[in-house]
Amino acid sequence: TKPPKFLVIEDNLLAQEATHSILQELSCQVEFATALEDLDRIFLPGKFDVVLMDIGLKETSGYLMAKRIRQIENDKGYC
């Protein structure tokens, strides 16, 4: 069985480290995004099994990040 792939959208370094440590202990693959630019570079429809998102990001909001994920999926014809 392949380990699940997580995209974690979090801009707090301490929270990133804690999340990474926990998920790594569970043999999960983890990638992080902190801003819309990261999301545009990292996210591909179907690439991740789970997306964990901080709603209160400093430079943007989790709501805008979620909207961008849906836009990328629609642009790629995934939905």
C-alpha atoms as a PDB file:
ATOM      1  CA  THR A   1       0.000   0.000   0.000  1.00  0.00           C
ATOM      2  CA  LYS A   2       1.274   3.460  -0.905  1.00  0.00           C
ATOM      3  CA  PRO A   3       1.552   5.938   1.944  1.00  0.00           C
ATOM      4  CA  PRO A   4      -0.958   8.804   1.777  1.00  0.00           C
ATOM      5  CA  LYS A   5       0.237  12.103   0.358  1.00  0.00           C
ATOM      6  CA  PHE A   6      -0.578  15.227   2.350  1.00  0.00           C
ATOM      7  CA  LEU A   7      -0.469  18.834   1.257  1.00  0.00           C
ATOM      8  CA  VAL A   8      -0.245  21.005   4.359  1.00  0.00           C
ATOM      9  CA  ILE A   9      -0.996  24.687   3.900  1.00  0.00           C
ATOM     10  CA  GLU A  10       0.569  26.348   6.924  1.00  0.00           C
ATOM     11  CA  ASP A  11       2.742  29.441   7.333  1.00  0.00           C
ATOM     12  CA  ASN A  12       3.847  28.910  10.930  1.00  0.00           C
ATOM     13  CA  LEU A  13       7.209  27.143  11.045  1.00  0.00           C
ATOM     14  CA  LEU A  14       6.611  25.519  14.439  1.00  0.00           C
ATOM     15  CA  ALA A  15       3.242  24.151  13.284  1.00  0.00           C
ATOM     16  CA  GLN A  16       4.888  22.873  10.082  1.00  0.00           C
ATOM     17  CA  GLU A  17       7.558  21.037  12.054  1.00  0.00           C
ATOM     18  CA  ALA A  18       5.023  19.483  14.436  1.00  0.00           C
ATOM     19  CA  THR A  19       2.730  18.431  11.584  1.00  0.00           C
ATOM     20  CA  HIS A  20       5.621  17.018   9.582  1.00  0.00           C
ATOM     21  CA  SER A  21       6.881  15.038  12.574  1.00  0.00           C
ATOM     22  CA  ILE A  22       3.466  13.514  13.301  1.00  0.00           C
ATOM     23  CA  LEU A  23       2.711  12.645   9.684  1.00  0.00           C
ATOM     24  CA  GLN A  24       6.182  11.250   9.106  1.00  0.00           C
ATOM     25  CA  GLU A  25       5.729   8.940  12.120  1.00  0.00           C
ATOM     26  CA  LEU A  26       2.606   7.654  10.345  1.00  0.00           C
ATOM     27  CA  SER A  27       4.669   7.013   7.165  1.00  0.00           C
ATOM     28  CA  CYS A  28       2.878   9.763   5.231  1.00  0.00           C
ATOM     29  CA  GLN A  29       4.417  11.847   2.473  1.00  0.00           C
ATOM     30  CA  VAL A  30       4.156  15.576   3.201  1.00  0.00           C
ATOM     31  CA  GLU A  31       4.583  18.748   1.172  1.00  0.00           C
ATOM     32  CA  PHE A  32       4.025  22.268   2.459  1.00  0.00           C
ATOM     33  CA  ALA A  33       2.654  25.440   0.920  1.00  0.00           C
ATOM     34  CA  THR A  34       2.672  28.792   2.697  1.00  0.00           C
ATOM     35  CA  ALA A  35       1.365  31.135  -0.009  1.00  0.00           C
ATOM     36  CA  LEU A  36      -0.563  31.164  -3.275  1.00  0.00           C
ATOM     37  CA  GLU A  37       2.717  31.045  -5.225  1.00  0.00           C
ATOM     38  CA  ASP A  38       3.669  27.805  -3.470  1.00  0.00           C
ATOM     39  CA  LEU A  39       0.259  26.357  -4.172  1.00  0.00           C
ATOM     40  CA  ASP A  40       0.513  27.182  -7.878  1.00  0.00           C
ATOM     41  CA  ARG A  41       3.908  25.456  -8.005  1.00  0.00           C
ATOM     42  CA  ILE A  42       3.046  22.386  -5.900  1.00  0.00           C
ATOM     43  CA  PHE A  43      -0.622  21.537  -6.361  1.00  0.00           C
ATOM     44  CA  LEU A  44      -1.798  19.228  -9.122  1.00  0.00           C
ATOM     45  CA  PRO A  45      -5.272  17.650  -9.124  1.00  0.00           C
ATOM     46  CA  GLY A  46      -5.078  14.074  -7.877  1.00  0.00           C
ATOM     47  CA  LYS A  47      -1.524  14.444  -6.555  1.00  0.00           C
ATOM     48  CA  PHE A  48      -2.552  14.591  -2.887  1.00  0.00           C
ATOM     49  CA  ASP A  49      -4.841  12.359  -0.891  1.00  0.00           C
ATOM     50  CA  VAL A  50      -5.425  14.926   1.861  1.00  0.00           C
ATOM     51  CA  VAL A  51      -5.123  18.704   2.135  1.00  0.00           C
ATOM     52  CA  LEU A  52      -4.761  20.182   5.618  1.00  0.00           C
ATOM     53  CA  MET A  53      -5.141  23.939   5.718  1.00  0.00           C
ATOM     54  CA  ASP A  54      -4.668  26.734   8.210  1.00  0.00           C
ATOM     55  CA  ILE A  55      -7.541  29.165   7.654  1.00  0.00           C
ATOM     56  CA  GLY A  56      -5.722  32.105   9.282  1.00  0.00           C
ATOM     57  CA  LEU A  57      -2.677  32.578   7.070  1.00  0.00           C
ATOM     58  CA  LYS A  58      -0.685  35.831   7.380  1.00  0.00           C
ATOM     59  CA  GLU A  59      -0.388  36.842   3.719  1.00  0.00           C
ATOM     60  CA  THR A  60      -3.632  35.315   2.478  1.00  0.00           C
ATOM     61  CA  SER A  61      -6.505  33.288   3.871  1.00  0.00           C
ATOM     62  CA  GLY A  62      -7.259  29.603   3.801  1.00  0.00           C
ATOM     63  CA  TYR A  63     -10.499  30.455   2.036  1.00  0.00           C
ATOM     64  CA  LEU A  64      -8.597  32.029  -0.869  1.00  0.00           C
ATOM     65  CA  MET A  65      -6.239  29.052  -0.961  1.00  0.00           C
ATOM     66  CA  ALA A  66      -9.211  26.648  -1.120  1.00  0.00           C
ATOM     67  CA  LYS A  67     -10.735  28.753  -3.895  1.00  0.00           C
ATOM     68  CA  ARG A  68      -7.438  28.573  -5.810  1.00  0.00           C
ATOM     69  CA  ILE A  69      -7.325  24.774  -5.411  1.00  0.00           C
ATOM     70  CA  ARG A  70     -10.814  24.507  -6.923  1.00  0.00           C
ATOM     71  CA  GLN A  71      -9.813  26.893  -9.733  1.00  0.00           C
ATOM     72  CA  ILE A  72      -6.758  24.759 -10.571  1.00  0.00           C
ATOM     73  CA  GLU A  73      -8.933  21.630 -10.562  1.00  0.00           C
ATOM     74  CA  ASN A  74     -11.505  23.266 -12.849  1.00  0.00           C
ATOM     75  CA  ASP A  75      -8.793  24.590 -15.200  1.00  0.00           C
ATOM     76  CA  LYS A  76      -7.373  21.064 -15.503  1.00  0.00           C
ATOM     77  CA  GLY A  77     -10.833  19.540 -16.034  1.00  0.00           C
ATOM     78  CA  TYR A  78     -10.540  17.489 -12.855  1.00  0.00           C
ATOM     79  CA  CYS A  79     -13.929  18.287 -11.323  1.00  0.00           C
END
